[in-house]
N, C-alpha and C. Protein backbone atom coordinates (compact mmCIF):
# COMPACT_ATOMS: atom_id res chain seq x y z
N UNK A 1 -88.20 170.62 -40.51
CA UNK A 1 -89.66 170.54 -40.54
C UNK A 1 -90.23 171.77 -41.24
N UNK A 2 -91.42 171.61 -41.82
CA UNK A 2 -92.09 172.70 -42.49
C UNK A 2 -93.58 172.54 -42.21
N UNK A 3 -94.20 173.63 -41.70
CA UNK A 3 -95.59 173.54 -41.25
C UNK A 3 -95.75 172.42 -40.23
N UNK A 4 -94.68 172.18 -39.46
CA UNK A 4 -94.66 171.14 -38.43
C UNK A 4 -94.68 169.72 -38.98
N UNK A 5 -94.54 169.55 -40.28
CA UNK A 5 -94.43 168.21 -40.85
C UNK A 5 -92.96 167.80 -40.86
N UNK A 6 -92.69 166.60 -40.38
CA UNK A 6 -91.40 165.97 -40.63
C UNK A 6 -91.50 165.29 -41.98
N UNK A 7 -90.51 165.48 -42.84
CA UNK A 7 -90.66 164.94 -44.19
C UNK A 7 -89.30 164.69 -44.83
N UNK A 8 -89.34 163.95 -45.92
CA UNK A 8 -88.18 163.74 -46.77
C UNK A 8 -88.49 164.32 -48.15
N UNK A 9 -87.53 164.99 -48.75
CA UNK A 9 -87.62 165.37 -50.15
C UNK A 9 -86.36 164.90 -50.85
N UNK A 10 -86.54 164.07 -51.86
CA UNK A 10 -85.40 163.54 -52.62
C UNK A 10 -85.57 163.96 -54.07
N UNK A 11 -84.71 164.85 -54.56
CA UNK A 11 -84.82 165.30 -55.95
C UNK A 11 -84.60 164.16 -56.92
N UNK A 12 -85.30 164.23 -58.05
CA UNK A 12 -85.14 163.24 -59.10
C UNK A 12 -84.62 163.88 -60.37
N UNK A 13 -84.43 163.07 -61.39
CA UNK A 13 -83.93 163.57 -62.66
C UNK A 13 -85.06 163.87 -63.64
N UNK A 14 -86.28 163.44 -63.32
CA UNK A 14 -87.42 163.67 -64.21
C UNK A 14 -88.25 164.86 -63.76
N UNK A 15 -89.33 165.11 -64.50
CA UNK A 15 -90.19 166.25 -64.21
C UNK A 15 -91.23 165.96 -63.14
N UNK A 16 -91.57 164.69 -62.94
CA UNK A 16 -92.67 164.34 -62.05
C UNK A 16 -92.22 164.32 -60.59
N UNK A 17 -93.15 164.69 -59.70
CA UNK A 17 -92.94 164.55 -58.26
C UNK A 17 -94.00 163.63 -57.69
N UNK A 18 -93.58 162.67 -56.88
CA UNK A 18 -94.50 161.75 -56.21
C UNK A 18 -94.69 162.19 -54.76
N UNK A 19 -95.93 162.36 -54.36
CA UNK A 19 -96.27 162.62 -52.96
C UNK A 19 -96.56 161.28 -52.31
N UNK A 20 -95.70 160.84 -51.40
CA UNK A 20 -95.79 159.52 -50.80
C UNK A 20 -96.45 159.62 -49.43
N UNK A 21 -97.55 158.89 -49.25
CA UNK A 21 -98.36 158.99 -48.04
C UNK A 21 -98.49 157.61 -47.40
N UNK A 22 -97.87 157.44 -46.27
CA UNK A 22 -97.74 156.14 -45.62
C UNK A 22 -99.04 155.70 -44.94
N UNK A 23 -99.06 154.45 -44.52
CA UNK A 23 -100.18 153.91 -43.75
C UNK A 23 -99.98 154.13 -42.26
N UNK A 24 -100.96 153.70 -41.47
CA UNK A 24 -100.90 153.86 -40.01
C UNK A 24 -99.64 153.20 -39.45
N UNK A 25 -98.91 153.96 -38.63
CA UNK A 25 -97.70 153.44 -38.02
C UNK A 25 -96.47 153.61 -38.88
N UNK A 26 -96.63 154.19 -40.06
CA UNK A 26 -95.50 154.42 -40.94
C UNK A 26 -94.82 155.74 -40.65
N UNK A 27 -93.86 156.09 -41.50
CA UNK A 27 -93.18 157.37 -41.36
C UNK A 27 -92.71 157.86 -42.72
N UNK A 28 -91.96 158.93 -42.70
CA UNK A 28 -91.56 159.58 -43.95
C UNK A 28 -90.58 158.75 -44.78
N UNK A 29 -90.04 157.68 -44.21
CA UNK A 29 -89.09 156.84 -44.94
C UNK A 29 -89.73 155.59 -45.56
N UNK A 30 -90.90 155.21 -45.07
CA UNK A 30 -91.47 153.91 -45.41
C UNK A 30 -91.68 153.70 -46.91
N UNK A 31 -92.22 154.70 -47.60
CA UNK A 31 -92.61 154.50 -48.99
C UNK A 31 -91.57 154.98 -49.99
N UNK A 32 -90.42 155.43 -49.51
CA UNK A 32 -89.38 155.87 -50.44
C UNK A 32 -88.96 154.77 -51.41
N UNK A 33 -88.72 153.54 -50.94
CA UNK A 33 -88.37 152.47 -51.90
C UNK A 33 -89.50 152.19 -52.89
N UNK A 34 -90.75 152.27 -52.42
CA UNK A 34 -91.90 152.05 -53.30
C UNK A 34 -91.95 153.13 -54.38
N UNK A 35 -91.80 154.38 -53.97
CA UNK A 35 -91.82 155.47 -54.94
C UNK A 35 -90.73 155.32 -55.98
N UNK A 36 -89.53 154.96 -55.54
CA UNK A 36 -88.42 154.80 -56.46
C UNK A 36 -88.65 153.62 -57.40
N UNK A 37 -89.29 152.55 -56.89
CA UNK A 37 -89.58 151.39 -57.74
C UNK A 37 -90.62 151.72 -58.80
N UNK A 38 -91.58 152.58 -58.45
CA UNK A 38 -92.65 152.93 -59.39
C UNK A 38 -92.16 153.91 -60.44
N UNK A 39 -91.36 154.88 -60.04
CA UNK A 39 -90.82 155.86 -60.99
C UNK A 39 -89.40 156.22 -60.57
N UNK A 40 -88.40 155.57 -61.17
CA UNK A 40 -87.00 155.79 -60.77
C UNK A 40 -86.51 157.21 -60.98
N UNK A 41 -87.18 158.00 -61.83
CA UNK A 41 -86.69 159.34 -62.16
C UNK A 41 -87.40 160.45 -61.39
N UNK A 42 -88.49 160.14 -60.71
CA UNK A 42 -89.30 161.18 -60.07
C UNK A 42 -88.63 161.74 -58.82
N UNK A 43 -88.97 162.99 -58.51
CA UNK A 43 -88.66 163.52 -57.18
C UNK A 43 -89.65 162.93 -56.19
N UNK A 44 -89.23 162.77 -54.95
CA UNK A 44 -90.07 162.14 -53.92
C UNK A 44 -90.28 163.11 -52.77
N UNK A 45 -91.55 163.36 -52.45
CA UNK A 45 -91.92 164.18 -51.29
C UNK A 45 -92.71 163.28 -50.34
N UNK A 46 -92.18 163.06 -49.15
CA UNK A 46 -92.77 162.08 -48.26
C UNK A 46 -92.90 162.64 -46.84
N UNK A 47 -94.10 163.12 -46.46
CA UNK A 47 -94.31 163.64 -45.11
C UNK A 47 -94.73 162.53 -44.13
N UNK A 48 -94.50 162.79 -42.87
CA UNK A 48 -94.99 161.89 -41.81
C UNK A 48 -96.32 162.44 -41.29
N UNK A 49 -97.30 161.55 -41.13
CA UNK A 49 -98.57 161.97 -40.56
C UNK A 49 -98.40 162.55 -39.17
N UNK A 50 -99.18 163.59 -38.86
CA UNK A 50 -99.02 164.31 -37.60
C UNK A 50 -99.93 163.83 -36.48
N UNK A 51 -100.90 163.00 -36.81
CA UNK A 51 -101.82 162.47 -35.80
C UNK A 51 -101.23 161.19 -35.22
N UNK A 52 -101.22 161.07 -33.90
CA UNK A 52 -100.71 159.86 -33.26
C UNK A 52 -101.87 159.06 -32.67
N UNK A 53 -101.92 157.79 -33.03
CA UNK A 53 -102.90 156.86 -32.46
C UNK A 53 -102.13 155.79 -31.71
N UNK A 54 -102.13 155.90 -30.40
CA UNK A 54 -101.32 154.99 -29.57
C UNK A 54 -99.87 154.98 -30.03
N UNK A 55 -99.38 156.16 -30.37
CA UNK A 55 -98.00 156.30 -30.79
C UNK A 55 -97.74 156.07 -32.27
N UNK A 56 -98.76 155.65 -33.01
CA UNK A 56 -98.60 155.34 -34.43
C UNK A 56 -99.02 156.53 -35.28
N UNK A 57 -98.12 157.07 -36.11
CA UNK A 57 -98.47 158.21 -36.95
C UNK A 57 -99.56 157.88 -37.97
N UNK A 58 -100.49 158.83 -38.13
CA UNK A 58 -101.55 158.77 -39.14
C UNK A 58 -101.73 160.17 -39.71
N UNK A 59 -102.51 160.25 -40.79
CA UNK A 59 -102.77 161.55 -41.40
C UNK A 59 -104.06 162.19 -40.91
N UNK A 60 -104.93 161.43 -40.24
CA UNK A 60 -106.14 162.01 -39.63
C UNK A 60 -106.65 161.07 -38.55
N UNK A 61 -107.52 161.59 -37.70
CA UNK A 61 -108.06 160.81 -36.59
C UNK A 61 -109.13 159.85 -37.07
N UNK A 62 -109.26 158.75 -36.37
CA UNK A 62 -110.42 157.88 -36.56
C UNK A 62 -111.05 157.62 -35.20
N UNK A 63 -112.34 157.38 -35.22
CA UNK A 63 -113.09 157.16 -33.99
C UNK A 63 -113.08 155.69 -33.59
N UNK A 64 -112.94 154.83 -34.59
CA UNK A 64 -112.83 153.38 -34.39
C UNK A 64 -112.31 152.81 -35.70
N UNK A 65 -112.02 151.52 -35.73
CA UNK A 65 -111.57 150.88 -36.96
C UNK A 65 -112.61 151.10 -38.06
N UNK A 66 -112.20 151.77 -39.13
CA UNK A 66 -113.10 152.02 -40.25
C UNK A 66 -114.07 153.16 -40.05
N UNK A 67 -113.99 153.87 -38.91
CA UNK A 67 -114.89 155.00 -38.64
C UNK A 67 -114.03 156.26 -38.50
N UNK A 68 -114.13 157.15 -39.48
CA UNK A 68 -113.24 158.31 -39.52
C UNK A 68 -113.88 159.53 -38.87
N UNK A 69 -113.04 160.36 -38.26
CA UNK A 69 -113.45 161.67 -37.78
C UNK A 69 -113.43 162.61 -38.99
N UNK A 70 -114.59 162.79 -39.62
CA UNK A 70 -114.62 163.46 -40.92
C UNK A 70 -114.26 164.94 -40.83
N UNK A 71 -114.56 165.58 -39.70
CA UNK A 71 -114.13 166.97 -39.54
C UNK A 71 -112.60 167.05 -39.54
N UNK A 72 -111.98 166.08 -38.90
CA UNK A 72 -110.52 166.05 -38.88
C UNK A 72 -109.97 165.70 -40.26
N UNK A 73 -110.65 164.82 -40.98
CA UNK A 73 -110.23 164.49 -42.36
C UNK A 73 -110.15 165.76 -43.19
N UNK A 74 -111.21 166.57 -43.13
CA UNK A 74 -111.25 167.81 -43.92
C UNK A 74 -110.14 168.77 -43.50
N UNK A 75 -109.99 168.96 -42.20
CA UNK A 75 -108.96 169.89 -41.71
C UNK A 75 -107.56 169.42 -42.09
N UNK A 76 -107.31 168.12 -41.94
CA UNK A 76 -105.98 167.59 -42.24
C UNK A 76 -105.70 167.60 -43.74
N UNK A 77 -106.73 167.41 -44.56
CA UNK A 77 -106.55 167.47 -46.01
C UNK A 77 -106.10 168.87 -46.43
N UNK A 78 -106.73 169.89 -45.86
CA UNK A 78 -106.33 171.27 -46.16
C UNK A 78 -104.91 171.55 -45.66
N UNK A 79 -104.60 171.05 -44.46
CA UNK A 79 -103.28 171.26 -43.89
C UNK A 79 -102.20 170.61 -44.75
N UNK A 80 -102.46 169.41 -45.22
CA UNK A 80 -101.48 168.70 -46.04
C UNK A 80 -101.32 169.38 -47.40
N UNK A 81 -102.42 169.86 -47.96
CA UNK A 81 -102.35 170.58 -49.23
C UNK A 81 -101.49 171.83 -49.10
N UNK A 82 -101.63 172.53 -47.99
CA UNK A 82 -100.82 173.72 -47.75
C UNK A 82 -99.34 173.36 -47.63
N UNK A 83 -99.06 172.26 -46.94
CA UNK A 83 -97.68 171.79 -46.83
C UNK A 83 -97.08 171.53 -48.20
N UNK A 84 -97.84 170.86 -49.07
CA UNK A 84 -97.34 170.54 -50.41
C UNK A 84 -97.05 171.82 -51.20
N UNK A 85 -97.93 172.80 -51.10
CA UNK A 85 -97.72 174.06 -51.82
C UNK A 85 -96.46 174.77 -51.34
N UNK A 86 -96.24 174.78 -50.04
CA UNK A 86 -95.04 175.40 -49.49
C UNK A 86 -93.80 174.61 -49.91
N UNK A 87 -93.90 173.28 -49.90
CA UNK A 87 -92.77 172.44 -50.30
C UNK A 87 -92.42 172.65 -51.77
N UNK A 88 -93.44 172.85 -52.61
CA UNK A 88 -93.20 173.07 -54.04
C UNK A 88 -92.37 174.34 -54.25
N UNK A 89 -92.69 175.38 -53.50
CA UNK A 89 -91.93 176.62 -53.62
C UNK A 89 -90.51 176.46 -53.07
N UNK A 90 -90.40 175.77 -51.96
CA UNK A 90 -89.08 175.61 -51.33
C UNK A 90 -88.16 174.75 -52.18
N UNK A 91 -88.69 173.66 -52.73
CA UNK A 91 -87.84 172.70 -53.44
C UNK A 91 -87.91 172.86 -54.96
N UNK A 92 -88.78 173.74 -55.44
CA UNK A 92 -88.79 174.07 -56.85
C UNK A 92 -89.37 173.03 -57.77
N UNK A 93 -90.39 172.30 -57.31
CA UNK A 93 -91.04 171.35 -58.23
C UNK A 93 -92.39 171.90 -58.68
N UNK A 94 -92.84 171.41 -59.82
CA UNK A 94 -94.08 171.86 -60.45
C UNK A 94 -95.25 171.05 -59.89
N UNK A 95 -96.17 171.71 -59.21
CA UNK A 95 -97.32 170.99 -58.65
C UNK A 95 -98.20 170.37 -59.73
N UNK A 96 -98.12 170.88 -60.96
CA UNK A 96 -98.94 170.34 -62.04
C UNK A 96 -98.51 168.93 -62.44
N UNK A 97 -97.33 168.51 -62.01
CA UNK A 97 -96.85 167.16 -62.32
C UNK A 97 -97.02 166.21 -61.13
N UNK A 98 -97.68 166.67 -60.08
CA UNK A 98 -97.73 165.93 -58.82
C UNK A 98 -98.63 164.69 -58.92
N UNK A 99 -98.10 163.56 -58.51
CA UNK A 99 -98.86 162.31 -58.44
C UNK A 99 -98.80 161.81 -57.00
N UNK A 100 -99.96 161.62 -56.39
CA UNK A 100 -100.02 161.08 -55.03
C UNK A 100 -99.95 159.56 -55.06
N UNK A 101 -99.17 159.00 -54.17
CA UNK A 101 -99.14 157.55 -53.98
C UNK A 101 -99.38 157.30 -52.50
N UNK A 102 -100.52 156.70 -52.19
CA UNK A 102 -100.88 156.48 -50.80
C UNK A 102 -101.23 155.03 -50.52
N UNK A 103 -100.88 154.61 -49.33
CA UNK A 103 -101.23 153.26 -48.87
C UNK A 103 -102.10 153.36 -47.63
N UNK A 104 -103.26 152.70 -47.65
CA UNK A 104 -104.14 152.60 -46.49
C UNK A 104 -104.53 153.99 -45.99
N UNK A 105 -104.13 154.38 -44.80
CA UNK A 105 -104.46 155.72 -44.30
C UNK A 105 -103.96 156.81 -45.23
N UNK A 106 -102.79 156.60 -45.82
CA UNK A 106 -102.27 157.57 -46.78
C UNK A 106 -103.10 157.65 -48.04
N UNK A 107 -103.62 156.51 -48.49
CA UNK A 107 -104.52 156.52 -49.65
C UNK A 107 -105.81 157.24 -49.32
N UNK A 108 -106.26 157.12 -48.08
CA UNK A 108 -107.51 157.77 -47.68
C UNK A 108 -107.38 159.29 -47.62
N UNK A 109 -106.26 159.79 -47.12
CA UNK A 109 -106.10 161.25 -47.10
C UNK A 109 -105.90 161.76 -48.52
N UNK A 110 -105.25 160.98 -49.37
CA UNK A 110 -105.09 161.40 -50.77
C UNK A 110 -106.44 161.48 -51.47
N UNK A 111 -107.29 160.47 -51.26
CA UNK A 111 -108.61 160.50 -51.90
C UNK A 111 -109.46 161.63 -51.34
N UNK A 112 -109.30 161.94 -50.04
CA UNK A 112 -110.02 163.07 -49.46
C UNK A 112 -109.58 164.38 -50.11
N UNK A 113 -108.29 164.54 -50.32
CA UNK A 113 -107.78 165.75 -50.96
C UNK A 113 -108.32 165.89 -52.38
N UNK A 114 -108.42 164.76 -53.09
CA UNK A 114 -108.97 164.78 -54.45
C UNK A 114 -110.44 165.18 -54.41
N UNK A 115 -111.22 164.52 -53.57
CA UNK A 115 -112.66 164.76 -53.51
C UNK A 115 -112.98 166.18 -53.03
N UNK A 116 -112.17 166.71 -52.14
CA UNK A 116 -112.38 168.07 -51.64
C UNK A 116 -111.87 169.13 -52.60
N UNK A 117 -111.02 168.72 -53.53
CA UNK A 117 -110.46 169.68 -54.48
C UNK A 117 -109.48 170.65 -53.87
N UNK A 118 -108.83 170.25 -52.76
CA UNK A 118 -107.93 171.18 -52.07
C UNK A 118 -106.54 171.22 -52.71
N UNK A 119 -106.24 170.23 -53.54
CA UNK A 119 -104.95 170.20 -54.23
C UNK A 119 -105.16 169.51 -55.56
N UNK A 120 -104.64 170.11 -56.61
CA UNK A 120 -104.83 169.56 -57.95
C UNK A 120 -103.72 168.56 -58.24
N UNK A 121 -104.06 167.29 -58.21
CA UNK A 121 -103.12 166.25 -58.57
C UNK A 121 -103.22 165.96 -60.07
N UNK A 122 -102.07 165.66 -60.67
CA UNK A 122 -102.11 165.15 -62.05
C UNK A 122 -102.67 163.74 -62.06
N UNK A 123 -102.39 163.02 -60.99
CA UNK A 123 -102.90 161.66 -60.87
C UNK A 123 -102.67 161.15 -59.46
N UNK A 124 -103.18 159.95 -59.20
CA UNK A 124 -102.99 159.34 -57.88
C UNK A 124 -103.03 157.83 -58.01
N UNK A 125 -102.23 157.18 -57.19
CA UNK A 125 -102.23 155.72 -57.08
C UNK A 125 -102.60 155.41 -55.64
N UNK A 126 -103.75 154.77 -55.47
CA UNK A 126 -104.30 154.53 -54.14
C UNK A 126 -104.28 153.04 -53.85
N UNK A 127 -103.45 152.64 -52.90
CA UNK A 127 -103.36 151.24 -52.49
C UNK A 127 -104.24 151.02 -51.26
N UNK A 128 -105.21 150.13 -51.39
CA UNK A 128 -106.11 149.72 -50.30
C UNK A 128 -106.86 150.92 -49.68
N UNK A 129 -107.55 151.70 -50.52
CA UNK A 129 -108.26 152.86 -49.99
C UNK A 129 -109.67 152.53 -49.52
N UNK A 130 -110.22 153.44 -48.74
CA UNK A 130 -111.62 153.41 -48.33
C UNK A 130 -112.25 154.75 -48.68
N UNK A 131 -113.57 154.85 -48.52
CA UNK A 131 -114.26 156.13 -48.72
C UNK A 131 -113.94 157.02 -47.52
N UNK A 132 -113.31 158.18 -47.73
CA UNK A 132 -112.88 159.00 -46.59
C UNK A 132 -113.95 159.94 -46.06
N UNK A 133 -114.93 160.26 -46.91
CA UNK A 133 -115.96 161.24 -46.55
C UNK A 133 -117.32 160.74 -47.00
N UNK A 134 -118.30 160.81 -46.12
CA UNK A 134 -119.63 160.29 -46.47
C UNK A 134 -120.38 161.19 -47.43
N UNK A 135 -120.10 162.51 -47.39
CA UNK A 135 -120.80 163.45 -48.27
C UNK A 135 -119.81 164.47 -48.84
N UNK A 136 -118.93 164.03 -49.74
CA UNK A 136 -117.98 164.98 -50.32
C UNK A 136 -118.67 165.95 -51.27
N UNK A 137 -118.03 167.08 -51.59
CA UNK A 137 -118.63 168.04 -52.52
C UNK A 137 -118.90 167.39 -53.88
N UNK A 138 -119.87 167.95 -54.59
CA UNK A 138 -120.24 167.42 -55.90
C UNK A 138 -119.41 168.03 -57.03
N UNK A 139 -118.31 168.63 -56.69
CA UNK A 139 -117.49 169.35 -57.67
C UNK A 139 -116.92 168.40 -58.71
N UNK A 140 -117.02 168.82 -59.99
CA UNK A 140 -116.38 168.05 -61.06
C UNK A 140 -114.87 168.28 -61.01
N UNK A 141 -114.12 167.21 -61.19
CA UNK A 141 -112.66 167.27 -61.12
C UNK A 141 -112.09 166.95 -62.50
N UNK A 142 -111.40 167.90 -63.09
CA UNK A 142 -110.91 167.75 -64.46
C UNK A 142 -109.45 167.32 -64.47
N UNK A 143 -109.10 166.56 -65.52
CA UNK A 143 -107.71 166.20 -65.79
C UNK A 143 -107.05 165.49 -64.62
N UNK A 144 -107.77 164.57 -64.02
CA UNK A 144 -107.21 163.77 -62.93
C UNK A 144 -107.46 162.30 -63.22
N UNK A 145 -106.41 161.50 -63.13
CA UNK A 145 -106.52 160.07 -63.36
C UNK A 145 -106.08 159.34 -62.10
N UNK A 146 -106.80 158.28 -61.76
CA UNK A 146 -106.54 157.56 -60.51
C UNK A 146 -106.47 156.06 -60.78
N UNK A 147 -105.46 155.43 -60.22
CA UNK A 147 -105.38 153.97 -60.19
C UNK A 147 -105.68 153.53 -58.76
N UNK A 148 -106.63 152.63 -58.62
CA UNK A 148 -106.96 152.06 -57.31
C UNK A 148 -106.57 150.59 -57.31
N UNK A 149 -105.74 150.21 -56.35
CA UNK A 149 -105.33 148.82 -56.19
C UNK A 149 -105.93 148.29 -54.89
N UNK A 150 -106.90 147.41 -55.03
CA UNK A 150 -107.54 146.80 -53.87
C UNK A 150 -107.13 145.36 -53.69
N UNK A 151 -107.47 144.80 -52.54
CA UNK A 151 -107.23 143.39 -52.28
C UNK A 151 -108.56 142.65 -52.18
N UNK A 152 -108.70 141.59 -52.92
CA UNK A 152 -109.98 140.85 -52.93
C UNK A 152 -110.34 140.32 -51.54
N UNK A 153 -109.34 140.06 -50.71
CA UNK A 153 -109.58 139.47 -49.40
C UNK A 153 -109.27 140.45 -48.27
N UNK A 154 -109.27 141.73 -48.61
CA UNK A 154 -108.94 142.77 -47.63
C UNK A 154 -110.10 142.93 -46.65
N UNK A 155 -109.88 142.69 -45.35
CA UNK A 155 -110.96 142.85 -44.37
C UNK A 155 -111.16 144.29 -43.92
N UNK A 156 -110.26 145.19 -44.31
CA UNK A 156 -110.32 146.59 -43.89
C UNK A 156 -110.85 147.46 -45.03
N UNK A 157 -110.06 147.57 -46.08
CA UNK A 157 -110.50 148.28 -47.29
C UNK A 157 -111.14 147.24 -48.21
N UNK A 158 -112.36 146.89 -47.90
CA UNK A 158 -113.04 145.78 -48.58
C UNK A 158 -113.35 146.13 -50.03
N UNK A 159 -113.59 145.13 -50.86
CA UNK A 159 -114.02 145.41 -52.24
C UNK A 159 -115.23 146.33 -52.30
N UNK A 160 -116.14 146.22 -51.34
CA UNK A 160 -117.29 147.12 -51.30
C UNK A 160 -116.85 148.57 -51.12
N UNK A 161 -115.89 148.80 -50.22
CA UNK A 161 -115.35 150.13 -50.01
C UNK A 161 -114.68 150.66 -51.28
N UNK A 162 -113.92 149.80 -51.92
CA UNK A 162 -113.24 150.19 -53.16
C UNK A 162 -114.26 150.60 -54.21
N UNK A 163 -115.29 149.79 -54.39
CA UNK A 163 -116.32 150.10 -55.39
C UNK A 163 -117.04 151.41 -55.08
N UNK A 164 -117.29 151.67 -53.80
CA UNK A 164 -117.96 152.91 -53.42
C UNK A 164 -117.09 154.13 -53.74
N UNK A 165 -115.79 154.01 -53.50
CA UNK A 165 -114.88 155.11 -53.82
C UNK A 165 -114.80 155.32 -55.33
N UNK A 166 -114.77 154.24 -56.07
CA UNK A 166 -114.75 154.33 -57.54
C UNK A 166 -115.96 155.11 -58.03
N UNK A 167 -117.13 154.80 -57.50
CA UNK A 167 -118.36 155.49 -57.92
C UNK A 167 -118.29 156.98 -57.60
N UNK A 168 -117.77 157.32 -56.43
CA UNK A 168 -117.63 158.74 -56.07
C UNK A 168 -116.72 159.47 -57.05
N UNK A 169 -115.61 158.84 -57.40
CA UNK A 169 -114.66 159.48 -58.30
C UNK A 169 -115.20 159.58 -59.72
N UNK A 170 -115.81 158.50 -60.20
CA UNK A 170 -116.38 158.53 -61.55
C UNK A 170 -117.47 159.59 -61.67
N UNK A 171 -118.23 159.77 -60.59
CA UNK A 171 -119.29 160.76 -60.60
C UNK A 171 -118.78 162.19 -60.63
N UNK A 172 -117.46 162.35 -60.46
CA UNK A 172 -116.85 163.68 -60.49
C UNK A 172 -115.86 163.81 -61.64
N UNK A 173 -116.06 162.99 -62.67
CA UNK A 173 -115.29 163.07 -63.92
C UNK A 173 -113.83 162.66 -63.78
N UNK A 174 -113.50 161.91 -62.74
CA UNK A 174 -112.14 161.40 -62.60
C UNK A 174 -111.99 160.14 -63.44
N UNK A 175 -110.88 160.03 -64.14
CA UNK A 175 -110.58 158.82 -64.90
C UNK A 175 -110.04 157.77 -63.92
N UNK A 176 -110.73 156.65 -63.80
CA UNK A 176 -110.39 155.66 -62.78
C UNK A 176 -110.10 154.31 -63.41
N UNK A 177 -109.02 153.69 -62.97
CA UNK A 177 -108.72 152.31 -63.33
C UNK A 177 -108.58 151.52 -62.03
N UNK A 178 -109.10 150.31 -62.01
CA UNK A 178 -109.08 149.49 -60.79
C UNK A 178 -108.34 148.19 -61.06
N UNK A 179 -107.46 147.84 -60.15
CA UNK A 179 -106.79 146.53 -60.18
C UNK A 179 -107.05 145.85 -58.83
N UNK A 180 -107.72 144.72 -58.87
CA UNK A 180 -107.97 143.96 -57.65
C UNK A 180 -106.97 142.82 -57.57
N UNK A 181 -106.18 142.82 -56.51
CA UNK A 181 -105.14 141.80 -56.34
C UNK A 181 -105.67 140.64 -55.51
N UNK A 182 -105.06 139.48 -55.69
CA UNK A 182 -105.42 138.29 -54.92
C UNK A 182 -104.70 138.35 -53.58
N UNK A 183 -105.10 139.31 -52.75
CA UNK A 183 -104.38 139.55 -51.50
C UNK A 183 -105.32 140.18 -50.48
N UNK A 184 -104.76 140.43 -49.30
CA UNK A 184 -105.49 141.13 -48.26
C UNK A 184 -105.11 142.60 -48.25
N UNK A 185 -104.84 143.15 -47.05
CA UNK A 185 -104.54 144.57 -46.93
C UNK A 185 -103.08 144.88 -47.24
N UNK A 186 -102.24 143.86 -47.25
CA UNK A 186 -100.82 144.09 -47.46
C UNK A 186 -100.52 144.41 -48.93
N UNK A 187 -99.43 145.14 -49.14
CA UNK A 187 -98.97 145.42 -50.49
C UNK A 187 -98.24 144.21 -51.05
N UNK A 188 -98.33 144.03 -52.36
CA UNK A 188 -97.69 142.91 -53.03
C UNK A 188 -96.85 143.40 -54.20
N UNK A 189 -96.02 142.52 -54.74
CA UNK A 189 -95.25 142.86 -55.94
C UNK A 189 -96.17 143.18 -57.11
N UNK A 190 -97.33 142.52 -57.14
CA UNK A 190 -98.29 142.79 -58.21
C UNK A 190 -98.79 144.23 -58.15
N UNK A 191 -98.92 144.78 -56.94
CA UNK A 191 -99.31 146.18 -56.80
C UNK A 191 -98.26 147.11 -57.40
N UNK A 192 -97.01 146.83 -57.10
CA UNK A 192 -95.92 147.67 -57.61
C UNK A 192 -95.88 147.61 -59.13
N UNK A 193 -96.01 146.42 -59.68
CA UNK A 193 -96.00 146.26 -61.14
C UNK A 193 -97.18 146.98 -61.78
N UNK A 194 -98.36 146.86 -61.16
CA UNK A 194 -99.55 147.53 -61.70
C UNK A 194 -99.36 149.04 -61.69
N UNK A 195 -98.81 149.57 -60.60
CA UNK A 195 -98.59 151.01 -60.49
C UNK A 195 -97.58 151.50 -61.51
N UNK A 196 -96.50 150.75 -61.66
CA UNK A 196 -95.46 151.14 -62.62
C UNK A 196 -96.01 151.14 -64.05
N UNK A 197 -96.74 150.09 -64.39
CA UNK A 197 -97.30 149.99 -65.74
C UNK A 197 -98.32 151.09 -66.00
N UNK A 198 -99.18 151.35 -65.01
CA UNK A 198 -100.21 152.38 -65.18
C UNK A 198 -99.59 153.75 -65.35
N UNK A 199 -98.59 154.05 -64.54
CA UNK A 199 -97.97 155.37 -64.60
C UNK A 199 -97.29 155.59 -65.95
N UNK A 200 -96.74 154.52 -66.51
CA UNK A 200 -96.05 154.64 -67.80
C UNK A 200 -97.03 154.74 -68.97
N UNK A 201 -98.21 154.12 -68.82
CA UNK A 201 -99.13 154.00 -69.96
C UNK A 201 -100.35 154.90 -69.88
N UNK A 202 -100.61 155.50 -68.72
CA UNK A 202 -101.84 156.26 -68.55
C UNK A 202 -101.75 157.62 -69.22
N UNK A 203 -102.85 158.35 -69.15
CA UNK A 203 -102.92 159.67 -69.78
C UNK A 203 -101.99 160.67 -69.12
N UNK A 204 -101.52 160.37 -67.91
CA UNK A 204 -100.66 161.34 -67.22
C UNK A 204 -99.19 161.10 -67.50
N UNK A 205 -98.87 160.07 -68.30
CA UNK A 205 -97.46 159.74 -68.56
C UNK A 205 -96.75 160.90 -69.26
C-alpha cells in the first residue's frame, strides 16, 4: 500500500500510463482487462477507492443516489492526485503521459480532478460520468483532451448529466468528444472500441 491506497501497478512496453478508476463496489483489479484492451502497451496504475459504502469501495462519499458530498469529493481528489504523484516517482512513469480511464464513480473522481486542476492529465476517458461539483473553479485547462462515453438510456448518469459535464469542460478549454451508446449504465463492447479508436486517433496519441 502507498498513502493507504491498495493498488496494482503493471508496467507496460509503451510510454503511456493509464490511471484506472473503478465504479462503486469495484476494486484495483476490475479495470485491468479494460485498460489492456484499450491500450495493450500502456502501463496500468489501478487504485482501490478508500471510501466504503455498505462495504462497497468508492472514491468519495455520497449523501444519496446522485447526491455527492462535495467537500469529500474535493478532499479525495487531492488525496488521489498525491497518490499518483508518489506512484510516478516510485514506479518511474512520466505523469505527462498519464491518461485517466474511469467508470461511473471512477469517472466522477477523474472529472473532479480535471476540473479542480489537482493533477495534469494528458487525457481522460470517462465512462458514464456525472457532474461531480456544482461550482468548480473557472480555471482554464490547457492541453487536455477528454472522451465521454454515455448511455442514452442510463438512469444514473443521464444524457442531461453528460451534457452538463461537457459544457463545464468546454468552458475550461478542454477538448471534448462525446460518444452516446445505445445502452444504460453498463459498459459495452462499443465503449471499448470507441475508447481504443479515440486514444489512437486523438491529439494525445
